[in-house]
PDB file of N, CA and C in Angstrom:
ATOM      1  N   MET A   1     133.363 110.790  38.213  1.00  0.00           N
ATOM      2  CA  MET A   1     133.035 110.636  39.616  1.00  0.00           C
ATOM      3  C   MET A   1     132.502 111.894  40.197  1.00  0.00           C
ATOM      4  N   ARG A   2     131.424 111.726  40.883  1.00  0.00           N
ATOM      5  CA  ARG A   2     130.795 112.846  41.395  1.00  0.00           C
ATOM      6  C   ARG A   2     131.096 113.083  42.899  1.00  0.00           C
ATOM      7  N   ALA A   3     131.444 114.293  43.340  1.00  0.00           N
ATOM      8  CA  ALA A   3     131.827 114.552  44.681  1.00  0.00           C
ATOM      9  C   ALA A   3     130.647 114.899  45.540  1.00  0.00           C
ATOM     10  N   ALA A   4     130.509 114.204  46.692  1.00  0.00           N
ATOM     11  CA  ALA A   4     129.377 114.410  47.585  1.00  0.00           C
ATOM     12  C   ALA A   4     129.614 115.608  48.434  1.00  0.00           C
ATOM     13  N   PRO A   5     128.574 116.349  48.654  1.00  0.00           N
ATOM     14  CA  PRO A   5     128.697 117.519  49.419  1.00  0.00           C
ATOM     15  C   PRO A   5     128.855 117.213  50.917  1.00  0.00           C
ATOM     16  N   LEU A   6     129.940 116.768  51.292  1.00  0.00           N
ATOM     17  CA  LEU A   6     130.257 116.252  52.675  1.00  0.00           C
ATOM     18  C   LEU A   6     130.098 117.371  53.700  1.00  0.00           C
ATOM     19  N   PRO A   7     130.568 118.564  53.448  1.00  0.00           N
ATOM     20  CA  PRO A   7     130.493 119.545  54.541  1.00  0.00           C
ATOM     21  C   PRO A   7     128.989 119.933  54.841  1.00  0.00           C
ATOM     22  N   LYS A   8     128.205 119.860  53.864  1.00  0.00           N
ATOM     23  CA  LYS A   8     126.736 120.231  54.139  1.00  0.00           C
ATOM     24  C   LYS A   8     126.070 119.058  54.886  1.00  0.00           C
ATOM     25  N   VAL A   9     126.402 117.889  54.534  1.00  0.00           N
ATOM     26  CA  VAL A   9     125.865 116.683  55.225  1.00  0.00           C
ATOM     27  C   VAL A   9     126.290 116.632  56.677  1.00  0.00           C
ATOM     28  N   THR A  10     127.563 116.878  56.908  1.00  0.00           N
ATOM     29  CA  THR A  10     128.107 116.882  58.230  1.00  0.00           C
ATOM     30  C   THR A  10     127.519 118.030  59.011  1.00  0.00           C
ATOM     31  N   ALA A  11     127.312 119.157  58.482  1.00  0.00           N
ATOM     32  CA  ALA A  11     126.752 120.286  59.196  1.00  0.00           C
ATOM     33  C   ALA A  11     125.293 119.985  59.597  1.00  0.00           C
ATOM     34  N   ALA A  12     124.535 119.309  58.627  1.00  0.00           N
ATOM     35  CA  ALA A  12     123.243 118.958  58.894  1.00  0.00           C
ATOM     36  C   ALA A  12     123.111 117.924  60.003  1.00  0.00           C
ATOM     37  N   LEU A  13     123.971 116.899  60.046  1.00  0.00           N
ATOM     38  CA  LEU A  13     123.992 115.979  61.011  1.00  0.00           C
ATOM     39  C   LEU A  13     124.350 116.530  62.370  1.00  0.00           C
ATOM     40  N   GLN A  14     125.298 117.449  62.381  1.00  0.00           N
ATOM     41  CA  GLN A  14     125.711 118.160  63.595  1.00  0.00           C
ATOM     42  C   GLN A  14     124.536 118.921  64.159  1.00  0.00           C
ATOM     43  N   SER A  15     123.789 119.595  63.267  1.00  0.00           N
ATOM     44  CA  SER A  15     122.639 120.368  63.780  1.00  0.00           C
ATOM     45  C   SER A  15     121.532 119.471  64.240  1.00  0.00           C
ATOM     46  N   VAL A  16     121.337 118.348  63.569  1.00  0.00           N
ATOM     47  CA  VAL A  16     120.377 117.328  64.098  1.00  0.00           C
ATOM     48  C   VAL A  16     120.725 116.833  65.546  1.00  0.00           C
ATOM     49  N   GLY A  17     122.037 116.512  65.637  1.00  0.00           N
ATOM     50  CA  GLY A  17     122.602 116.023  66.894  1.00  0.00           C
ATOM     51  C   GLY A  17     122.447 117.095  67.991  1.00  0.00           C
ATOM     52  N   ALA A  18     122.698 118.379  67.619  1.00  0.00           N
ATOM     53  CA  ALA A  18     122.582 119.485  68.528  1.00  0.00           C
ATOM     54  C   ALA A  18     121.101 119.540  68.979  1.00  0.00           C
ATOM     55  N   VAL A  19     120.217 119.426  68.044  1.00  0.00           N
ATOM     56  CA  VAL A  19     118.716 119.545  68.374  1.00  0.00           C
ATOM     57  C   VAL A  19     118.351 118.328  69.284  1.00  0.00           C
ATOM     58  N   MET A  20     118.830 117.189  69.116  1.00  0.00           N
ATOM     59  CA  MET A  20     118.483 116.026  69.929  1.00  0.00           C
ATOM     60  C   MET A  20     119.096 116.232  71.317  1.00  0.00           C
ATOM     61  N   ILE A  21     120.320 116.724  71.388  1.00  0.00           N
ATOM     62  CA  ILE A  21     120.895 117.051  72.717  1.00  0.00           C
ATOM     63  C   ILE A  21     120.154 118.089  73.470  1.00  0.00           C
ATOM     64  N   LEU A  22     119.667 119.114  72.728  1.00  0.00           N
ATOM     65  CA  LEU A  22     118.847 120.163  73.275  1.00  0.00           C
ATOM     66  C   LEU A  22     117.586 119.625  73.817  1.00  0.00           C
ATOM     67  N   HIS A  23     116.818 118.691  73.054  1.00  0.00           N
ATOM     68  CA  HIS A  23     115.702 118.048  73.471  1.00  0.00           C
ATOM     69  C   HIS A  23     115.913 117.226  74.743  1.00  0.00           C
ATOM     70  N   GLN A  24     117.043 116.461  74.809  1.00  0.00           N
ATOM     71  CA  GLN A  24     117.357 115.704  75.976  1.00  0.00           C
ATOM     72  C   GLN A  24     117.564 116.568  77.225  1.00  0.00           C
ATOM     73  N   ILE A  25     118.257 117.677  77.015  1.00  0.00           N
ATOM     74  CA  ILE A  25     118.504 118.680  78.153  1.00  0.00           C
ATOM     75  C   ILE A  25     117.253 119.214  78.597  1.00  0.00           C
ATOM     76  N   LEU A  26     116.333 119.637  77.639  1.00  0.00           N
ATOM     77  CA  LEU A  26     115.024 120.248  78.114  1.00  0.00           C
ATOM     78  C   LEU A  26     114.190 119.242  78.849  1.00  0.00           C
ATOM     79  N   ARG A  27     114.217 117.863  78.339  1.00  0.00           N
ATOM     80  CA  ARG A  27     113.422 116.886  79.017  1.00  0.00           C
ATOM     81  C   ARG A  27     114.020 116.617  80.399  1.00  0.00           C
ATOM     82  N   LEU A  28     115.398 116.565  80.572  1.00  0.00           N
ATOM     83  CA  LEU A  28     115.916 116.388  81.867  1.00  0.00           C
ATOM     84  C   LEU A  28     115.714 117.573  82.741  1.00  0.00           C
ATOM     85  N   SER A  29     115.713 118.809  82.127  1.00  0.00           N
ATOM     86  CA  SER A  29     115.438 119.937  83.039  1.00  0.00           C
ATOM     87  C   SER A  29     113.948 119.900  83.486  1.00  0.00           C
ATOM     88  N   SER A  30     113.022 119.446  82.679  1.00  0.00           N
ATOM     89  CA  SER A  30     111.669 119.340  83.194  1.00  0.00           C
ATOM     90  C   SER A  30     111.593 118.194  84.318  1.00  0.00           C
ATOM     91  N   LEU A  31     112.326 117.161  84.175  1.00  0.00           N
ATOM     92  CA  LEU A  31     112.354 116.206  85.304  1.00  0.00           C
ATOM     93  C   LEU A  31     112.983 116.776  86.545  1.00  0.00           C
ATOM     94  N   PHE A  32     114.074 117.523  86.338  1.00  0.00           N
ATOM     95  CA  PHE A  32     114.729 118.117  87.462  1.00  0.00           C
ATOM     96  C   PHE A  32     113.844 119.163  88.099  1.00  0.00           C
ATOM     97  N   ARG A  33     113.141 119.895  87.284  1.00  0.00           N
ATOM     98  CA  ARG A  33     112.227 120.946  87.792  1.00  0.00           C
ATOM     99  C   ARG A  33     111.086 120.330  88.584  1.00  0.00           C
ATOM    100  N   SER A  34     110.504 119.197  88.191  1.00  0.00           N
ATOM    101  CA  SER A  34     109.451 118.504  88.882  1.00  0.00           C
ATOM    102  C   SER A  34     110.010 117.891  90.191  1.00  0.00           C
ATOM    103  N   ALA A  35     111.156 117.330  90.131  1.00  0.00           N
ATOM    104  CA  ALA A  35     111.763 116.848  91.405  1.00  0.00           C
ATOM    105  C   ALA A  35     112.021 117.938  92.426  1.00  0.00           C
ATOM    106  N   VAL A  36     112.589 119.061  91.913  1.00  0.00           N
ATOM    107  CA  VAL A  36     112.791 120.212  92.819  1.00  0.00           C
ATOM    108  C   VAL A  36     111.525 120.663  93.436  1.00  0.00           C
ATOM    109  N   SER A  37     110.421 120.757  92.561  1.00  0.00           N
ATOM    110  CA  SER A  37     109.160 121.270  93.160  1.00  0.00           C
ATOM    111  C   SER A  37     108.602 120.396  94.209  1.00  0.00           C
ATOM    112  N   VAL A  38     108.773 119.036  93.977  1.00  0.00           N
ATOM    113  CA  VAL A  38     108.365 118.049  95.014  1.00  0.00           C
ATOM    114  C   VAL A  38     109.083 118.255  96.267  1.00  0.00           C
ATOM    115  N   HIS A  39     110.342 118.400  96.139  1.00  0.00           N
ATOM    116  CA  HIS A  39     111.206 118.605  97.311  1.00  0.00           C
ATOM    117  C   HIS A  39     110.904 119.857  98.003  1.00  0.00           C
ATOM    118  N   LEU A  40     110.724 120.985  97.261  1.00  0.00           N
ATOM    119  CA  LEU A  40     110.320 122.208  97.931  1.00  0.00           C
ATOM    120  C   LEU A  40     108.970 122.228  98.625  1.00  0.00           C
ATOM    121  N   ARG A  41     107.974 121.509  97.990  1.00  0.00           N
ATOM    122  CA  ARG A  41     106.625 121.370  98.663  1.00  0.00           C
ATOM    123  C   ARG A  41     106.803 120.556 100.007  1.00  0.00           C
ATOM    124  N   ARG A  42     107.648 119.523  99.960  1.00  0.00           N
ATOM    125  CA  ARG A  42     107.847 118.803 101.200  1.00  0.00           C
ATOM    126  C   ARG A  42     108.524 119.656 102.305  1.00  0.00           C
ATOM    127  N   ASN A  43     109.569 120.396 101.899  1.00  0.00           N
ATOM    128  CA  ASN A  43     110.200 121.203 102.847  1.00  0.00           C
ATOM    129  C   ASN A  43     109.325 122.267 103.435  1.00  0.00           C
ATOM    130  N   ILE A  44     108.499 122.845 102.455  1.00  0.00           N
ATOM    131  CA  ILE A  44     107.545 123.896 102.958  1.00  0.00           C
ATOM    132  C   ILE A  44     106.593 123.264 103.940  1.00  0.00           C
ATOM    133  N   GLY A  45     106.154 122.002 103.701  1.00  0.00           N
ATOM    134  CA  GLY A  45     105.231 121.373 104.589  1.00  0.00           C
ATOM    135  C   GLY A  45     105.824 121.126 105.942  1.00  0.00           C
ATOM    136  N   PHE A  46     107.142 120.678 105.955  1.00  0.00           N
ATOM    137  CA  PHE A  46     107.854 120.445 107.217  1.00  0.00           C
ATOM    138  C   PHE A  46     108.126 121.719 107.946  1.00  0.00           C
ATOM    139  N   SER A  47     108.479 122.727 107.184  1.00  0.00           N
ATOM    140  CA  SER A  47     108.799 124.049 107.850  1.00  0.00           C
ATOM    141  C   SER A  47     107.548 124.629 108.438  1.00  0.00           C
ATOM    142  N   ALA A  48     106.397 124.404 107.807  1.00  0.00           N
ATOM    143  CA  ALA A  48     105.157 124.966 108.336  1.00  0.00           C
ATOM    144  C   ALA A  48     104.891 124.317 109.673  1.00  0.00           C
ATOM    145  N   ILE A  49     105.199 122.990 109.806  1.00  0.00           N
ATOM    146  CA  ILE A  49     105.006 122.294 111.061  1.00  0.00           C
ATOM    147  C   ILE A  49     105.888 122.792 112.139  1.00  0.00           C
ATOM    148  N   ALA A  50     107.163 122.992 111.734  1.00  0.00           N
ATOM    149  CA  ALA A  50     108.160 123.508 112.620  1.00  0.00           C
ATOM    150  C   ALA A  50     107.811 124.889 113.140  1.00  0.00           C
ATOM    151  N   PHE A  51     107.383 125.801 112.214  1.00  0.00           N
ATOM    152  CA  PHE A  51     106.994 127.122 112.655  1.00  0.00           C
ATOM    153  C   PHE A  51     105.776 127.075 113.484  1.00  0.00           C
ATOM    154  N   ASN A  52     104.792 126.106 113.185  1.00  0.00           N
ATOM    155  CA  ASN A  52     103.619 126.012 113.987  1.00  0.00           C
ATOM    156  C   ASN A  52     103.958 125.581 115.370  1.00  0.00           C
ATOM    157  N   LYS A  53     104.972 124.760 115.522  1.00  0.00           N
ATOM    158  CA  LYS A  53     105.373 124.327 116.936  1.00  0.00           C
ATOM    159  C   LYS A  53     105.936 125.467 117.644  1.00  0.00           C
ATOM    160  N   ALA A  54     106.652 126.328 116.958  1.00  0.00           N
ATOM    161  CA  ALA A  54     107.248 127.480 117.665  1.00  0.00           C
ATOM    162  C   ALA A  54     106.212 128.415 118.103  1.00  0.00           C
ATOM    163  N   LYS A  55     105.122 128.579 117.328  1.00  0.00           N
ATOM    164  CA  LYS A  55     103.992 129.420 117.725  1.00  0.00           C
ATOM    165  C   LYS A  55     103.043 128.538 118.591  1.00  0.00           C
ATOM    166  N   GLU A  56     101.994 129.242 119.106  1.00  0.00           N
ATOM    167  CA  GLU A  56     100.975 128.484 119.777  1.00  0.00           C
ATOM    168  C   GLU A  56     100.144 127.641 118.758  1.00  0.00           C
ATOM    169  N   LEU A  57      99.737 126.411 119.147  1.00  0.00           N
ATOM    170  CA  LEU A  57      98.925 125.629 118.209  1.00  0.00           C
ATOM    171  C   LEU A  57      97.535 126.159 118.177  1.00  0.00           C
ATOM    172  N   ASP A  58      96.851 125.907 117.061  1.00  0.00           N
ATOM    173  CA  ASP A  58      95.441 126.351 117.039  1.00  0.00           C
ATOM    174  C   ASP A  58      94.655 125.470 118.021  1.00  0.00           C
ATOM    175  N   PRO A  59      93.469 125.924 118.446  1.00  0.00           N
ATOM    176  CA  PRO A  59      92.731 125.265 119.509  1.00  0.00           C
ATOM    177  C   PRO A  59      92.401 123.780 119.171  1.00  0.00           C
ATOM    178  N   VAL A  60      92.127 123.526 117.902  1.00  0.00           N
ATOM    179  CA  VAL A  60      91.609 122.194 117.592  1.00  0.00           C
ATOM    180  C   VAL A  60      92.835 121.280 117.651  1.00  0.00           C
ATOM    181  N   GLN A  61      94.001 121.690 117.127  1.00  0.00           N
ATOM    182  CA  GLN A  61      95.231 120.848 117.229  1.00  0.00           C
ATOM    183  C   GLN A  61      95.611 120.608 118.717  1.00  0.00           C
ATOM    184  N   LYS A  62      95.545 121.728 119.483  1.00  0.00           N
ATOM    185  CA  LYS A  62      95.876 121.570 120.937  1.00  0.00           C
ATOM    186  C   LYS A  62      94.992 120.592 121.652  1.00  0.00           C
ATOM    187  N   LEU A  63      93.656 120.653 121.366  1.00  0.00           N
ATOM    188  CA  LEU A  63      92.713 119.748 121.991  1.00  0.00           C
ATOM    189  C   LEU A  63      93.039 118.306 121.572  1.00  0.00           C
ATOM    190  N   PHE A  64      93.295 118.104 120.254  1.00  0.00           N
ATOM    191  CA  PHE A  64      93.640 116.721 119.794  1.00  0.00           C
ATOM    192  C   PHE A  64      94.841 116.177 120.471  1.00  0.00           C
ATOM    193  N   LEU A  65      95.927 116.952 120.526  1.00  0.00           N
ATOM    194  CA  LEU A  65      97.171 116.491 121.165  1.00  0.00           C
ATOM    195  C   LEU A  65      96.959 116.253 122.684  1.00  0.00           C
ATOM    196  N   ASP A  66      96.151 117.100 123.330  1.00  0.00           N
ATOM    197  CA  ASP A  66      95.856 116.945 124.759  1.00  0.00           C
ATOM    198  C   ASP A  66      95.133 115.643 124.919  1.00  0.00           C
ATOM    199  N   LYS A  67      94.147 115.331 124.170  1.00  0.00           N
ATOM    200  CA  LYS A  67      93.473 114.010 124.248  1.00  0.00           C
ATOM    201  C   LYS A  67      94.303 112.828 124.061  1.00  0.00           C
ATOM    202  N   ILE A  68      95.232 112.883 123.072  1.00  0.00           N
ATOM    203  CA  ILE A  68      96.191 111.775 122.877  1.00  0.00           C
ATOM    204  C   ILE A  68      97.060 111.571 124.049  1.00  0.00           C
ATOM    205  N   ARG A  69      97.581 112.661 124.652  1.00  0.00           N
ATOM    206  CA  ARG A  69      98.527 112.541 125.810  1.00  0.00           C
ATOM    207  C   ARG A  69      97.668 112.021 127.031  1.00  0.00           C
ATOM    208  N   GLU A  70      96.453 112.460 127.112  1.00  0.00           N
ATOM    209  CA  GLU A  70      95.580 111.982 128.276  1.00  0.00           C
ATOM    210  C   GLU A  70      95.325 110.457 128.022  1.00  0.00           C
ATOM    211  N   TYR A  71      94.985 110.041 126.855  1.00  0.00           N
ATOM    212  CA  TYR A  71      94.790 108.621 126.619  1.00  0.00           C
ATOM    213  C   TYR A  71      96.031 107.800 126.939  1.00  0.00           C
ATOM    214  N   ASN A  72      97.212 108.314 126.540  1.00  0.00           N
ATOM    215  CA  ASN A  72      98.497 107.683 126.772  1.00  0.00           C
ATOM    216  C   ASN A  72      98.717 107.450 128.247  1.00  0.00           C
ATOM    217  N   THR A  73      98.540 108.462 129.073  1.00  0.00           N
ATOM    218  CA  THR A  73      98.717 108.254 130.507  1.00  0.00           C
ATOM    219  C   THR A  73      97.731 107.298 131.060  1.00  0.00           C
ATOM    220  N   LYS A  74      96.496 107.375 130.696  1.00  0.00           N
ATOM    221  CA  LYS A  74      95.445 106.449 131.206  1.00  0.00           C
ATOM    222  C   LYS A  74      95.830 104.989 130.801  1.00  0.00           C
ATOM    223  N   SER A  75      96.283 104.812 129.528  1.00  0.00           N
ATOM    224  CA  SER A  75      96.662 103.504 129.101  1.00  0.00           C
ATOM    225  C   SER A  75      97.808 102.921 129.888  1.00  0.00           C
ATOM    226  N   LYS A  76      98.753 103.785 130.195  1.00  0.00           N
ATOM    227  CA  LYS A  76      99.868 103.252 130.980  1.00  0.00           C
ATOM    228  C   LYS A  76      99.405 102.898 132.407  1.00  0.00           C
ATOM    229  N   GLN A  77      98.534 103.667 133.000  1.00  0.00           N
ATOM    230  CA  GLN A  77      98.057 103.325 134.318  1.00  0.00           C
ATOM    231  C   GLN A  77      97.166 102.142 134.326  1.00  0.00           C
ATOM    232  N   ALA A  78      96.376 101.890 133.298  1.00  0.00           N
ATOM    233  CA  ALA A  78      95.416 100.776 133.211  1.00  0.00           C
ATOM    234  C   ALA A  78      96.175  99.521 132.755  1.00  0.00           C
ATOM    235  N   GLY A  79      97.251  99.713 132.106  1.00  0.00           N
ATOM    236  CA  GLY A  79      98.052  98.536 131.582  1.00  0.00           C
ATOM    237  C   GLY A  79      97.408  97.910 130.347  1.00  0.00           C
ATOM    238  N   GLY A  80      96.668  98.630 129.609  1.00  0.00           N
ATOM    239  CA  GLY A  80      95.976  98.143 128.446  1.00  0.00           C
ATOM    240  C   GLY A  80      95.009  99.115 127.901  1.00  0.00           C
ATOM    241  N   PRO A  81      93.982  98.653 127.214  1.00  0.00           N
ATOM    242  CA  PRO A  81      92.931  99.561 126.634  1.00  0.00           C
ATOM    243  C   PRO A  81      92.215 100.342 127.752  1.00  0.00           C
ATOM    244  N   VAL A  82      91.774 101.529 127.393  1.00  0.00           N
ATOM    245  CA  VAL A  82      91.155 102.422 128.408  1.00  0.00           C
ATOM    246  C   VAL A  82      89.620 102.406 128.176  1.00  0.00           C
ATOM    247  N   ASP A  83      88.941 102.435 129.292  1.00  0.00           N
ATOM    248  CA  ASP A  83      87.500 102.525 129.285  1.00  0.00           C
ATOM    249  C   ASP A  83      86.818 101.373 128.456  1.00  0.00           C
ATOM    250  N   VAL A  84      87.284 100.128 128.724  1.00  0.00           N
ATOM    251  CA  VAL A  84      86.596  99.019 128.102  1.00  0.00           C
ATOM    252  C   VAL A  84      85.831  98.268 129.110  1.00  0.00           C
ATOM    253  N   GLY A  85      84.786  97.655 128.754  1.00  0.00           N
ATOM    254  CA  GLY A  85      83.892  96.929 129.663  1.00  0.00           C
ATOM    255  C   GLY A  85      84.286  95.407 129.676  1.00  0.00           C
ATOM    256  N   PRO A  86      83.447  94.626 130.418  1.00  0.00           N
ATOM    257  CA  PRO A  86      83.696  93.285 130.488  1.00  0.00           C
ATOM    258  C   PRO A  86      83.408  92.543 129.212  1.00  0.00           C
ATOM    259  N   GLU A  87      82.609  93.121 128.344  1.00  0.00           N
ATOM    260  CA  GLU A  87      82.340  92.485 127.080  1.00  0.00           C
ATOM    261  C   GLU A  87      83.600  92.479 126.210  1.00  0.00           C
ATOM    262  N   PHE A  88      84.324  93.495 126.211  1.00  0.00           N
ATOM    263  CA  PHE A  88      85.705  93.542 125.452  1.00  0.00           C
ATOM    264  C   PHE A  88      86.618  92.480 125.966  1.00  0.00           C
ATOM    265  N   GLN A  89      86.733  92.339 127.282  1.00  0.00           N
ATOM    266  CA  GLN A  89      87.659  91.273 127.820  1.00  0.00           C
ATOM    267  C   GLN A  89      87.106  89.909 127.440  1.00  0.00           C
ATOM    268  N   LYS A  90      85.764  89.695 127.455  1.00  0.00           N
ATOM    269  CA  LYS A  90      85.245  88.447 127.160  1.00  0.00           C
ATOM    270  C   LYS A  90      85.461  88.106 125.637  1.00  0.00           C
ATOM    271  N   ASP A  91      85.313  89.109 124.735  1.00  0.00           N
ATOM    272  CA  ASP A  91      85.596  88.825 123.300  1.00  0.00           C
ATOM    273  C   ASP A  91      87.059  88.543 123.096  1.00  0.00           C
ATOM    274  N   MET A  92      87.958  89.278 123.834  1.00  0.00           N
ATOM    275  CA  MET A  92      89.392  89.075 123.606  1.00  0.00           C
ATOM    276  C   MET A  92      89.764  87.680 124.120  1.00  0.00           C
ATOM    277  N   ASN A  93      89.285  87.200 125.255  1.00  0.00           N
ATOM    278  CA  ASN A  93      89.578  85.914 125.701  1.00  0.00           C
ATOM    279  C   ASN A  93      89.022  84.803 124.767  1.00  0.00           C
ATOM    280  N   GLU A  94      87.858  85.047 124.228  1.00  0.00           N
ATOM    281  CA  GLU A  94      87.306  83.998 123.245  1.00  0.00           C
ATOM    282  C   GLU A  94      88.185  83.970 122.025  1.00  0.00           C
ATOM    283  N   SER A  95      88.588  85.110 121.543  1.00  0.00           N
ATOM    284  CA  SER A  95      89.448  85.183 120.350  1.00  0.00           C
ATOM    285  C   SER A  95      90.771  84.506 120.612  1.00  0.00           C
ATOM    286  N   LEU A  96      91.379  84.745 121.759  1.00  0.00           N
ATOM    287  CA  LEU A  96      92.682  84.062 122.105  1.00  0.00           C
ATOM    288  C   LEU A  96      92.479  82.585 122.239  1.00  0.00           C
ATOM    289  N   ALA A  97      91.353  82.136 122.861  1.00  0.00           N
ATOM    290  CA  ALA A  97      91.181  80.683 122.968  1.00  0.00           C
ATOM    291  C   ALA A  97      90.967  79.996 121.595  1.00  0.00           C
ATOM    292  N   ARG A  98      90.190  80.676 120.719  1.00  0.00           N
ATOM    293  CA  ARG A  98      90.024  80.165 119.332  1.00  0.00           C
ATOM    294  C   ARG A  98      91.412  80.075 118.636  1.00  0.00           C
ATOM    295  N   LEU A  99      92.188  81.109 118.704  1.00  0.00           N
ATOM    296  CA  LEU A  99      93.551  81.131 118.053  1.00  0.00           C
ATOM    297  C   LEU A  99      94.393  80.012 118.606  1.00  0.00           C
ATOM    298  N   GLN A 100      94.332  79.764 119.947  1.00  0.00           N
ATOM    299  CA  GLN A 100      95.194  78.771 120.555  1.00  0.00           C
ATOM    300  C   GLN A 100      94.708  77.404 120.084  1.00  0.00           C
ATOM    301  N   ARG A 101      93.439  77.199 119.869  1.00  0.00           N
ATOM    302  CA  ARG A 101      92.914  75.956 119.341  1.00  0.00           C
ATOM    303  C   ARG A 101      93.421  75.690 117.887  1.00  0.00           C
ATOM    304  N   MET A 102      93.388  76.819 117.164  1.00  0.00           N
ATOM    305  CA  MET A 102      93.799  76.722 115.665  1.00  0.00           C
ATOM    306  C   MET A 102      95.301  76.463 115.609  1.00  0.00           C
ATOM    307  N   TYR A 103      96.099  77.247 116.330  1.00  0.00           N
ATOM    308  CA  TYR A 103      97.534  77.305 116.054  1.00  0.00           C
ATOM    309  C   TYR A 103      98.372  76.695 117.187  1.00  0.00           C
ATOM    310  N   GLY A 104      97.834  76.084 118.123  1.00  0.00           N
ATOM    311  CA  GLY A 104      98.571  75.420 119.167  1.00  0.00           C
ATOM    312  C   GLY A 104      98.733  76.237 120.431  1.00  0.00           C
ATOM    313  N   GLU A 105      99.494  75.628 121.291  1.00  0.00           N
ATOM    314  CA  GLU A 105      99.731  76.351 122.588  1.00  0.00           C
ATOM    315  C   GLU A 105     100.703  77.454 122.423  1.00  0.00           C
ATOM    316  N   GLY A 106     100.824  78.263 123.505  1.00  0.00           N
ATOM    317  CA  GLY A 106     101.766  79.332 123.574  1.00  0.00           C
ATOM    318  C   GLY A 106     101.051  80.634 123.950  1.00  0.00           C
ATOM    319  N   ASP A 107     101.888  81.615 124.296  1.00  0.00           N
ATOM    320  CA  ASP A 107     101.308  82.881 124.675  1.00  0.00           C
ATOM    321  C   ASP A 107     101.112  83.734 123.415  1.00  0.00           C
ATOM    322  N   LEU A 108      99.855  84.013 123.099  1.00  0.00           N
ATOM    323  CA  LEU A 108      99.531  84.738 121.826  1.00  0.00           C
ATOM    324  C   LEU A 108      99.577  86.171 121.974  1.00  0.00           C
ATOM    325  N   THR A 109      99.838  86.658 123.219  1.00  0.00           N
ATOM    326  CA  THR A 109      99.945  88.055 123.480  1.00  0.00           C
ATOM    327  C   THR A 109     101.376  88.585 123.291  1.00  0.00           C
ATOM    328  N   LYS A 110     102.338  87.716 123.103  1.00  0.00           N
ATOM    329  CA  LYS A 110     103.732  88.018 122.935  1.00  0.00           C
ATOM    330  C   LYS A 110     104.190  87.751 121.477  1.00  0.00           C
ATOM    331  N   PHE A 111     105.131  88.535 121.064  1.00  0.00           N
ATOM    332  CA  PHE A 111     105.791  88.283 119.708  1.00  0.00           C
ATOM    333  C   PHE A 111     106.494  86.973 119.829  1.00  0.00           C
ATOM    334  N   PRO A 112     106.499  86.148 118.818  1.00  0.00           N
ATOM    335  CA  PRO A 112     107.252  84.862 118.923  1.00  0.00           C
ATOM    336  C   PRO A 112     108.760  85.095 118.831  1.00  0.00           C
ATOM    337  N   GLU A 113     109.478  84.210 119.442  1.00  0.00           N
ATOM    338  CA  GLU A 113     110.941  84.237 119.373  1.00  0.00           C
ATOM    339  C   GLU A 113     111.423  83.234 118.357  1.00  0.00           C
ATOM    340  N   PHE A 114     112.223  83.606 117.466  1.00  0.00           N
ATOM    341  CA  PHE A 114     112.687  82.790 116.411  1.00  0.00           C
ATOM    342  C   PHE A 114     114.124  82.448 116.782  1.00  0.00           C
ATOM    343  N   LYS A 115     114.423  81.138 116.524  1.00  0.00           N
ATOM    344  CA  LYS A 115     115.791  80.640 116.753  1.00  0.00           C
ATOM    345  C   LYS A 115     116.252  80.045 115.455  1.00  0.00           C
ATOM    346  N   PHE A 116     117.300  80.681 114.844  1.00  0.00           N
ATOM    347  CA  PHE A 116     117.843  80.148 113.606  1.00  0.00           C
ATOM    348  C   PHE A 116     119.143  79.509 113.879  1.00  0.00           C
ATOM    349  N   GLU A 117     119.244  78.239 113.493  1.00  0.00           N
ATOM    350  CA  GLU A 117     120.562  77.534 113.604  1.00  0.00           C
ATOM    351  C   GLU A 117     121.475  77.818 112.431  1.00  0.00           C
ATOM    352  N   GLU A 118     122.727  77.858 112.754  1.00  0.00           N
ATOM    353  CA  GLU A 118     123.682  78.009 111.680  1.00  0.00           C
ATOM    354  C   GLU A 118     123.750  76.806 110.838  1.00  0.00           C
ATOM    355  N   PRO A 119     123.654  76.884 109.509  1.00  0.00           N
ATOM    356  CA  PRO A 119     123.684  75.724 108.663  1.00  0.00           C
ATOM    357  C   PRO A 119     125.112  75.156 108.599  1.00  0.00           C
ATOM    358  N   ASN A 120     125.196  73.871 108.418  1.00  0.00           N
ATOM    359  CA  ASN A 120     126.423  73.137 108.358  1.00  0.00           C
ATOM    360  C   ASN A 120     126.893  73.040 106.864  1.00  0.00           C
ATOM    361  N   PHE A 121     127.912  73.732 106.442  1.00  0.00           N
ATOM    362  CA  PHE A 121     128.361  73.752 105.109  1.00  0.00           C
ATOM    363  C   PHE A 121     129.517  72.889 104.812  1.00  0.00           C
ATOM    364  N   GLU A 122     129.875  72.060 105.763  1.00  0.00           N
ATOM    365  CA  GLU A 122     131.040  71.176 105.629  1.00  0.00           C
ATOM    366  C   GLU A 122     130.565  69.958 104.755  1.00  0.00           C
ATOM    367  N   GLU A 123     131.544  69.469 103.915  1.00  0.00           N
ATOM    368  CA  GLU A 123     131.184  68.362 103.058  1.00  0.00           C
ATOM    369  C   GLU A 123     131.305  67.088 103.901  1.00  0.00           C
ATOM    370  N   THR A 124     130.329  66.250 103.704  1.00  0.00           N
ATOM    371  CA  THR A 124     130.379  64.939 104.364  1.00  0.00           C
ATOM    372  C   THR A 124     131.015  63.899 103.498  1.00  0.00           C
ATOM    373  N   PRO A 125     131.855  63.025 104.004  1.00  0.00           N
ATOM    374  CA  PRO A 125     132.473  61.994 103.183  1.00  0.00           C
ATOM    375  C   PRO A 125     131.426  61.047 102.608  1.00  0.00           C
ATOM    376  N   LYS A 126     131.751  60.553 101.402  1.00  0.00           N
ATOM    377  CA  LYS A 126     130.771  59.620 100.749  1.00  0.00           C
ATOM    378  C   LYS A 126     131.019  58.284 101.108  1.00  0.00           C
TER     379      LYS A 126
END
């Protein structure tokens, strides 16, 4: 009967297992590194915005924000779109009339209200 070199085989398997574990750790570390880099890039982007708000905005950003705020106040005063002519109102009325013909009556300028009834789960006698 021949004796198998068990200690050598066991050591070889352990080293293979250690190498596989090392490969798994390195692969996970690369995934972790990429996730951290994405997180850091996002935080740097947000902190740049926060620091920019603390300082004075550059002229183009300031002009853009001023125009948005101006449009918002004009829109609230007009109660709808700003600086539209009678052609826009005519097109909108035609579109609403066409939709009402297709989908029935109702106010198409409001979001619909849904009413869900509670289902009856009681057994009925046979």
